[in-house]
Amino acid sequence: MGPISAGSHHDPHSATSLEHLFIEEYLHEMGTSLREAHSLPHDEYHRLMCKAVTYAALRLAEVEAHKLGPHHPRVSDHFH
């Protein structure tokens, strides 16, 4: 994942845009925003963003699994 700036604008249907939304969602749940996170000490910012990116990746995987449907081999193999 590349750097995310607080004012980034992406195609609203792209995976990158969705990833950005999930990162913002995670940060909001942690009581902060991307803009505020930039003011954290480097180590704290890095830890927070690693968790945010992991959260976003899991949410993107959920979206992909939902699009494929429960009987698709790539989905059902992981849940049986």
PDB file of N, CA and C in Angstrom:
ATOM      1  N   MET A   1       0.838  -1.178   0.000  1.00  0.00           N
ATOM      2  CA  MET A   1       0.000   0.000   0.000  1.00  0.00           C
ATOM      3  C   MET A   1       0.879   1.235   0.000  1.00  0.00           C
ATOM      4  N   GLY A   2       0.548   2.206  -0.798  1.00  0.00           N
ATOM      5  CA  GLY A   2       1.303   3.439  -0.848  1.00  0.00           C
ATOM      6  C   GLY A   2       0.857   4.394   0.238  1.00  0.00           C
ATOM      7  N   PRO A   3       1.530   5.526   0.338  1.00  0.00           N
ATOM      8  CA  PRO A   3       1.167   6.500   1.354  1.00  0.00           C
ATOM      9  C   PRO A   3      -0.233   7.050   1.106  1.00  0.00           C
ATOM     10  N   ILE A   4      -0.890   7.364   2.177  1.00  0.00           N
ATOM     11  CA  ILE A   4      -2.232   7.945   2.097  1.00  0.00           C
ATOM     12  C   ILE A   4      -2.148   9.349   2.656  1.00  0.00           C
ATOM     13  N   SER A   5      -2.639  10.302   1.904  1.00  0.00           N
ATOM     14  CA  SER A   5      -2.679  11.663   2.415  1.00  0.00           C
ATOM     15  C   SER A   5      -4.108  11.989   2.806  1.00  0.00           C
ATOM     16  N   ALA A   6      -4.242  12.896   3.735  1.00  0.00           N
ATOM     17  CA  ALA A   6      -5.563  13.237   4.266  1.00  0.00           C
ATOM     18  C   ALA A   6      -6.499  13.765   3.192  1.00  0.00           C
ATOM     19  N   GLY A   7      -5.961  14.320   2.117  1.00  0.00           N
ATOM     20  CA  GLY A   7      -6.812  14.890   1.093  1.00  0.00           C
ATOM     21  C   GLY A   7      -6.884  14.077  -0.178  1.00  0.00           C
ATOM     22  N   SER A   8      -6.514  12.796  -0.116  1.00  0.00           N
ATOM     23  CA  SER A   8      -6.506  11.958  -1.322  1.00  0.00           C
ATOM     24  C   SER A   8      -7.910  11.795  -1.891  1.00  0.00           C
ATOM     25  N   HIS A   9      -7.990  11.792  -3.220  1.00  0.00           N
ATOM     26  CA  HIS A   9      -9.257  11.535  -3.896  1.00  0.00           C
ATOM     27  C   HIS A   9      -9.029  10.411  -4.885  1.00  0.00           C
ATOM     28  N   HIS A  10      -9.838   9.372  -4.800  1.00  0.00           N
ATOM     29  CA  HIS A  10      -9.705   8.211  -5.660  1.00  0.00           C
ATOM     30  C   HIS A  10     -11.052   7.909  -6.297  1.00  0.00           C
ATOM     31  N   ASP A  11     -11.010   7.061  -7.302  1.00  0.00           N
ATOM     32  CA  ASP A  11     -12.235   6.533  -7.878  1.00  0.00           C
ATOM     33  C   ASP A  11     -13.006   5.854  -6.754  1.00  0.00           C
ATOM     34  N   PRO A  12     -14.246   6.259  -6.490  1.00  0.00           N
ATOM     35  CA  PRO A  12     -14.977   5.698  -5.355  1.00  0.00           C
ATOM     36  C   PRO A  12     -15.245   4.207  -5.475  1.00  0.00           C
ATOM     37  N   HIS A  13     -15.028   3.611  -6.641  1.00  0.00           N
ATOM     38  CA  HIS A  13     -15.293   2.195  -6.824  1.00  0.00           C
ATOM     39  C   HIS A  13     -14.021   1.356  -6.812  1.00  0.00           C
ATOM     40  N   SER A  14     -12.870   1.990  -6.646  1.00  0.00           N
ATOM     41  CA  SER A  14     -11.619   1.249  -6.684  1.00  0.00           C
ATOM     42  C   SER A  14     -11.326   0.600  -5.341  1.00  0.00           C
ATOM     43  N   ALA A  15     -10.526  -0.468  -5.376  1.00  0.00           N
ATOM     44  CA  ALA A  15     -10.122  -1.143  -4.144  1.00  0.00           C
ATOM     45  C   ALA A  15      -9.297  -0.201  -3.272  1.00  0.00           C
ATOM     46  N   THR A  16      -8.504   0.666  -3.900  1.00  0.00           N
ATOM     47  CA  THR A  16      -7.688   1.611  -3.143  1.00  0.00           C
ATOM     48  C   THR A  16      -8.573   2.571  -2.359  1.00  0.00           C
ATOM     49  N   SER A  17      -9.629   3.048  -2.989  1.00  0.00           N
ATOM     50  CA  SER A  17     -10.556   3.947  -2.314  1.00  0.00           C
ATOM     51  C   SER A  17     -11.246   3.233  -1.159  1.00  0.00           C
ATOM     52  N   LEU A  18     -11.660   1.999  -1.383  1.00  0.00           N
ATOM     53  CA  LEU A  18     -12.311   1.221  -0.337  1.00  0.00           C
ATOM     54  C   LEU A  18     -11.327   0.950   0.800  1.00  0.00           C
ATOM     55  N   GLU A  19     -10.087   0.646   0.449  1.00  0.00           N
ATOM     56  CA  GLU A  19      -9.057   0.431   1.469  1.00  0.00           C
ATOM     57  C   GLU A  19      -8.892   1.692   2.312  1.00  0.00           C
ATOM     58  N   HIS A  20      -8.848   2.824   1.656  1.00  0.00           N
ATOM     59  CA  HIS A  20      -8.718   4.104   2.351  1.00  0.00           C
ATOM     60  C   HIS A  20      -9.896   4.317   3.315  1.00  0.00           C
ATOM     61  N   LEU A  21     -11.095   4.009   2.864  1.00  0.00           N
ATOM     62  CA  LEU A  21     -12.265   4.154   3.726  1.00  0.00           C
ATOM     63  C   LEU A  21     -12.179   3.242   4.947  1.00  0.00           C
ATOM     64  N   PHE A  22     -11.711   2.012   4.752  1.00  0.00           N
ATOM     65  CA  PHE A  22     -11.571   1.094   5.879  1.00  0.00           C
ATOM     66  C   PHE A  22     -10.485   1.554   6.846  1.00  0.00           C
ATOM     67  N   ILE A  23      -9.416   2.135   6.335  1.00  0.00           N
ATOM     68  CA  ILE A  23      -8.379   2.683   7.209  1.00  0.00           C
ATOM     69  C   ILE A  23      -8.951   3.827   8.028  1.00  0.00           C
ATOM     70  N   GLU A  24      -9.673   4.714   7.369  1.00  0.00           N
ATOM     71  CA  GLU A  24     -10.319   5.822   8.087  1.00  0.00           C
ATOM     72  C   GLU A  24     -11.314   5.288   9.129  1.00  0.00           C
ATOM     73  N   GLU A  25     -12.060   4.251   8.776  1.00  0.00           N
ATOM     74  CA  GLU A  25     -13.012   3.638   9.704  1.00  0.00           C
ATOM     75  C   GLU A  25     -12.281   3.133  10.951  1.00  0.00           C
ATOM     76  N   TYR A  26     -11.175   2.416  10.755  1.00  0.00           N
ATOM     77  CA  TYR A  26     -10.406   1.903  11.883  1.00  0.00           C
ATOM     78  C   TYR A  26      -9.896   3.050  12.757  1.00  0.00           C
ATOM     79  N   LEU A  27      -9.317   4.059  12.120  1.00  0.00           N
ATOM     80  CA  LEU A  27      -8.786   5.188  12.878  1.00  0.00           C
ATOM     81  C   LEU A  27      -9.890   5.886  13.664  1.00  0.00           C
ATOM     82  N   HIS A  28     -11.055   6.037  13.051  1.00  0.00           N
ATOM     83  CA  HIS A  28     -12.189   6.646  13.742  1.00  0.00           C
ATOM     84  C   HIS A  28     -12.576   5.816  14.966  1.00  0.00           C
ATOM     85  N   GLU A  29     -12.610   4.481  14.798  1.00  0.00           N
ATOM     86  CA  GLU A  29     -12.932   3.595  15.925  1.00  0.00           C
ATOM     87  C   GLU A  29     -11.889   3.704  17.033  1.00  0.00           C
ATOM     88  N   MET A  30     -10.664   4.075  16.688  1.00  0.00           N
ATOM     89  CA  MET A  30      -9.589   4.250  17.668  1.00  0.00           C
ATOM     90  C   MET A  30      -9.583   5.672  18.239  1.00  0.00           C
ATOM     91  N   GLY A  31     -10.536   6.488  17.794  1.00  0.00           N
ATOM     92  CA  GLY A  31     -10.669   7.843  18.328  1.00  0.00           C
ATOM     93  C   GLY A  31      -9.741   8.865  17.698  1.00  0.00           C
ATOM     94  N   THR A  32      -9.302   8.589  16.473  1.00  0.00           N
ATOM     95  CA  THR A  32      -8.409   9.532  15.797  1.00  0.00           C
ATOM     96  C   THR A  32      -8.772   9.606  14.318  1.00  0.00           C
ATOM     97  N   SER A  33      -8.009  10.341  13.576  1.00  0.00           N
ATOM     98  CA  SER A  33      -8.184  10.462  12.127  1.00  0.00           C
ATOM     99  C   SER A  33      -6.808  10.385  11.483  1.00  0.00           C
ATOM    100  N   LEU A  34      -6.773  10.263  10.185  1.00  0.00           N
ATOM    101  CA  LEU A  34      -5.500  10.215   9.477  1.00  0.00           C
ATOM    102  C   LEU A  34      -4.713  11.503   9.710  1.00  0.00           C
ATOM    103  N   ARG A  35      -5.399  12.613   9.668  1.00  0.00           N
ATOM    104  CA  ARG A  35      -4.745  13.909   9.887  1.00  0.00           C
ATOM    105  C   ARG A  35      -4.140  13.971  11.287  1.00  0.00           C
ATOM    106  N   GLU A  36      -4.898  13.542  12.288  1.00  0.00           N
ATOM    107  CA  GLU A  36      -4.393  13.557  13.666  1.00  0.00           C
ATOM    108  C   GLU A  36      -3.279  12.536  13.867  1.00  0.00           C
ATOM    109  N   ALA A  37      -3.386  11.386  13.210  1.00  0.00           N
ATOM    110  CA  ALA A  37      -2.385  10.337  13.367  1.00  0.00           C
ATOM    111  C   ALA A  37      -1.013  10.809  12.901  1.00  0.00           C
ATOM    112  N   HIS A  38      -0.975  11.675  11.902  1.00  0.00           N
ATOM    113  CA  HIS A  38       0.300  12.183  11.386  1.00  0.00           C
ATOM    114  C   HIS A  38       1.078  12.950  12.444  1.00  0.00           C
ATOM    115  N   SER A  39       0.396  13.452  13.475  1.00  0.00           N
ATOM    116  CA  SER A  39       1.092  14.223  14.509  1.00  0.00           C
ATOM    117  C   SER A  39       1.617  13.333  15.642  1.00  0.00           C
ATOM    118  N   LEU A  40       1.343  12.032  15.591  1.00  0.00           N
ATOM    119  CA  LEU A  40       1.834  11.108  16.612  1.00  0.00           C
ATOM    120  C   LEU A  40       3.343  10.891  16.446  1.00  0.00           C
ATOM    121  N   PRO A  41       4.003  10.479  17.541  1.00  0.00           N
ATOM    122  CA  PRO A  41       5.411  10.087  17.395  1.00  0.00           C
ATOM    123  C   PRO A  41       5.536   8.975  16.356  1.00  0.00           C
ATOM    124  N   HIS A  42       6.687   8.945  15.664  1.00  0.00           N
ATOM    125  CA  HIS A  42       6.879   8.029  14.544  1.00  0.00           C
ATOM    126  C   HIS A  42       6.534   6.583  14.894  1.00  0.00           C
ATOM    127  N   ASP A  43       7.037   6.052  15.994  1.00  0.00           N
ATOM    128  CA  ASP A  43       6.782   4.653  16.360  1.00  0.00           C
ATOM    129  C   ASP A  43       5.299   4.388  16.607  1.00  0.00           C
ATOM    130  N   GLU A  44       4.637   5.321  17.287  1.00  0.00           N
ATOM    131  CA  GLU A  44       3.209   5.157  17.569  1.00  0.00           C
ATOM    132  C   GLU A  44       2.394   5.224  16.272  1.00  0.00           C
ATOM    133  N   TYR A  45       2.757   6.158  15.398  1.00  0.00           N
ATOM    134  CA  TYR A  45       2.093   6.283  14.098  1.00  0.00           C
ATOM    135  C   TYR A  45       2.254   4.988  13.303  1.00  0.00           C
ATOM    136  N   HIS A  46       3.472   4.460  13.286  1.00  0.00           N
ATOM    137  CA  HIS A  46       3.755   3.233  12.538  1.00  0.00           C
ATOM    138  C   HIS A  46       2.919   2.067  13.078  1.00  0.00           C
ATOM    139  N   ARG A  47       2.866   1.891  14.386  1.00  0.00           N
ATOM    140  CA  ARG A  47       2.067   0.804  14.983  1.00  0.00           C
ATOM    141  C   ARG A  47       0.586   0.960  14.630  1.00  0.00           C
ATOM    142  N   LEU A  48       0.080   2.175  14.777  1.00  0.00           N
ATOM    143  CA  LEU A  48      -1.331   2.435  14.497  1.00  0.00           C
ATOM    144  C   LEU A  48      -1.655   2.161  13.035  1.00  0.00           C
ATOM    145  N   MET A  49      -0.805   2.619  12.126  1.00  0.00           N
ATOM    146  CA  MET A  49      -1.075   2.432  10.709  1.00  0.00           C
ATOM    147  C   MET A  49      -0.933   0.972  10.294  1.00  0.00           C
ATOM    148  N   CYS A  50      -0.014   0.228  10.912  1.00  0.00           N
ATOM    149  CA  CYS A  50       0.083  -1.212  10.627  1.00  0.00           C
ATOM    150  C   CYS A  50      -1.216  -1.911  11.003  1.00  0.00           C
ATOM    151  N   LYS A  51      -1.769  -1.550  12.148  1.00  0.00           N
ATOM    152  CA  LYS A  51      -3.046  -2.139  12.574  1.00  0.00           C
ATOM    153  C   LYS A  51      -4.177  -1.707  11.647  1.00  0.00           C
ATOM    154  N   ALA A  52      -4.162  -0.444  11.233  1.00  0.00           N
ATOM    155  CA  ALA A  52      -5.206   0.074  10.344  1.00  0.00           C
ATOM    156  C   ALA A  52      -5.159  -0.615   8.984  1.00  0.00           C
ATOM    157  N   VAL A  53      -3.961  -0.828   8.458  1.00  0.00           N
ATOM    158  CA  VAL A  53      -3.808  -1.480   7.154  1.00  0.00           C
ATOM    159  C   VAL A  53      -4.229  -2.949   7.253  1.00  0.00           C
ATOM    160  N   THR A  54      -3.897  -3.599   8.348  1.00  0.00           N
ATOM    161  CA  THR A  54      -4.323  -4.988   8.551  1.00  0.00           C
ATOM    162  C   THR A  54      -5.845  -5.072   8.614  1.00  0.00           C
ATOM    163  N   TYR A  55      -6.451  -4.165   9.358  1.00  0.00           N
ATOM    164  CA  TYR A  55      -7.919  -4.105   9.444  1.00  0.00           C
ATOM    165  C   TYR A  55      -8.522  -3.913   8.045  1.00  0.00           C
ATOM    166  N   ALA A  56      -7.956  -2.994   7.281  1.00  0.00           N
ATOM    167  CA  ALA A  56      -8.473  -2.719   5.937  1.00  0.00           C
ATOM    168  C   ALA A  56      -8.335  -3.943   5.037  1.00  0.00           C
ATOM    169  N   ALA A  57      -7.208  -4.644   5.138  1.00  0.00           N
ATOM    170  CA  ALA A  57      -7.001  -5.842   4.314  1.00  0.00           C
ATOM    171  C   ALA A  57      -8.033  -6.917   4.651  1.00  0.00           C
ATOM    172  N   LEU A  58      -8.311  -7.091   5.927  1.00  0.00           N
ATOM    173  CA  LEU A  58      -9.326  -8.078   6.325  1.00  0.00           C
ATOM    174  C   LEU A  58     -10.712  -7.689   5.826  1.00  0.00           C
ATOM    175  N   ARG A  59     -11.029  -6.415   5.927  1.00  0.00           N
ATOM    176  CA  ARG A  59     -12.337  -5.953   5.438  1.00  0.00           C
ATOM    177  C   ARG A  59     -12.440  -6.108   3.924  1.00  0.00           C
ATOM    178  N   LEU A  60     -11.355  -5.825   3.201  1.00  0.00           N
ATOM    179  CA  LEU A  60     -11.364  -6.015   1.742  1.00  0.00           C
ATOM    180  C   LEU A  60     -11.553  -7.486   1.403  1.00  0.00           C
ATOM    181  N   ALA A  61     -10.945  -8.382   2.168  1.00  0.00           N
ATOM    182  CA  ALA A  61     -11.122  -9.818   1.950  1.00  0.00           C
ATOM    183  C   ALA A  61     -12.576 -10.220   2.187  1.00  0.00           C
ATOM    184  N   GLU A  62     -13.210  -9.623   3.197  1.00  0.00           N
ATOM    185  CA  GLU A  62     -14.632  -9.888   3.438  1.00  0.00           C
ATOM    186  C   GLU A  62     -15.481  -9.458   2.249  1.00  0.00           C
ATOM    187  N   VAL A  63     -15.181  -8.282   1.714  1.00  0.00           N
ATOM    188  CA  VAL A  63     -15.926  -7.772   0.560  1.00  0.00           C
ATOM    189  C   VAL A  63     -15.750  -8.716  -0.627  1.00  0.00           C
ATOM    190  N   GLU A  64     -14.518  -9.139  -0.870  1.00  0.00           N
ATOM    191  CA  GLU A  64     -14.236 -10.042  -1.983  1.00  0.00           C
ATOM    192  C   GLU A  64     -14.969 -11.373  -1.804  1.00  0.00           C
ATOM    193  N   ALA A  65     -14.933 -11.914  -0.598  1.00  0.00           N
ATOM    194  CA  ALA A  65     -15.618 -13.180  -0.323  1.00  0.00           C
ATOM    195  C   ALA A  65     -17.127 -13.026  -0.531  1.00  0.00           C
ATOM    196  N   HIS A  66     -17.662 -11.906  -0.127  1.00  0.00           N
ATOM    197  CA  HIS A  66     -19.094 -11.658  -0.304  1.00  0.00           C
ATOM    198  C   HIS A  66     -19.442 -11.577  -1.789  1.00  0.00           C
ATOM    199  N   LYS A  67     -18.580 -10.941  -2.578  1.00  0.00           N
ATOM    200  CA  LYS A  67     -18.822 -10.828  -4.022  1.00  0.00           C
ATOM    201  C   LYS A  67     -18.776 -12.192  -4.694  1.00  0.00           C
ATOM    202  N   LEU A  68     -17.885 -13.062  -4.232  1.00  0.00           N
ATOM    203  CA  LEU A  68     -17.751 -14.387  -4.837  1.00  0.00           C
ATOM    204  C   LEU A  68     -18.914 -15.303  -4.469  1.00  0.00           C
ATOM    205  N   GLY A  69     -19.488 -15.099  -3.312  1.00  0.00           N
ATOM    206  CA  GLY A  69     -20.599 -15.933  -2.859  1.00  0.00           C
ATOM    207  C   GLY A  69     -20.118 -17.098  -2.016  1.00  0.00           C
ATOM    208  N   PRO A  70     -20.984 -17.641  -1.186  1.00  0.00           N
ATOM    209  CA  PRO A  70     -20.591 -18.679  -0.229  1.00  0.00           C
ATOM    210  C   PRO A  70     -20.217 -20.014  -0.862  1.00  0.00           C
ATOM    211  N   HIS A  71     -20.611 -20.271  -2.090  1.00  0.00           N
ATOM    212  CA  HIS A  71     -20.347 -21.572  -2.712  1.00  0.00           C
ATOM    213  C   HIS A  71     -19.165 -21.542  -3.681  1.00  0.00           C
ATOM    214  N   HIS A  72     -18.532 -20.390  -3.810  1.00  0.00           N
ATOM    215  CA  HIS A  72     -17.365 -20.292  -4.673  1.00  0.00           C
ATOM    216  C   HIS A  72     -16.218 -21.071  -4.023  1.00  0.00           C
ATOM    217  N   PRO A  73     -15.457 -21.858  -4.799  1.00  0.00           N
ATOM    218  CA  PRO A  73     -14.383 -22.683  -4.214  1.00  0.00           C
ATOM    219  C   PRO A  73     -13.371 -21.891  -3.389  1.00  0.00           C
ATOM    220  N   ARG A  74     -13.045 -20.680  -3.798  1.00  0.00           N
ATOM    221  CA  ARG A  74     -12.068 -19.875  -3.035  1.00  0.00           C
ATOM    222  C   ARG A  74     -12.616 -19.483  -1.685  1.00  0.00           C
ATOM    223  N   VAL A  75     -13.937 -19.418  -1.530  1.00  0.00           N
ATOM    224  CA  VAL A  75     -14.547 -19.038  -0.263  1.00  0.00           C
ATOM    225  C   VAL A  75     -14.857 -20.264   0.564  1.00  0.00           C
ATOM    226  N   SER A  76     -15.548 -21.233  -0.014  1.00  0.00           N
ATOM    227  CA  SER A  76     -16.013 -22.377   0.762  1.00  0.00           C
ATOM    228  C   SER A  76     -14.865 -23.234   1.289  1.00  0.00           C
ATOM    229  N   ASP A  77     -13.725 -23.277   0.601  1.00  0.00           N
ATOM    230  CA  ASP A  77     -12.580 -24.061   1.085  1.00  0.00           C
ATOM    231  C   ASP A  77     -12.077 -23.570   2.431  1.00  0.00           C
ATOM    232  N   HIS A  78     -12.249 -22.318   2.711  1.00  0.00           N
ATOM    233  CA  HIS A  78     -11.733 -21.732   3.957  1.00  0.00           C
ATOM    234  C   HIS A  78     -12.712 -21.843   5.116  1.00  0.00           C
ATOM    235  N   PHE A  79     -13.936 -22.222   4.859  1.00  0.00           N
ATOM    236  CA  PHE A  79     -14.943 -22.245   5.904  1.00  0.00           C
ATOM    237  C   PHE A  79     -15.518 -23.606   6.181  1.00  0.00           C
ATOM    238  N   HIS A  80     -14.891 -24.653   5.685  1.00  0.00           N
ATOM    239  CA  HIS A  80     -15.367 -26.017   5.954  1.00  0.00           C
ATOM    240  C   HIS A  80     -14.362 -26.779   6.756  1.00  0.00           C
TER     241      HIS A  80
END
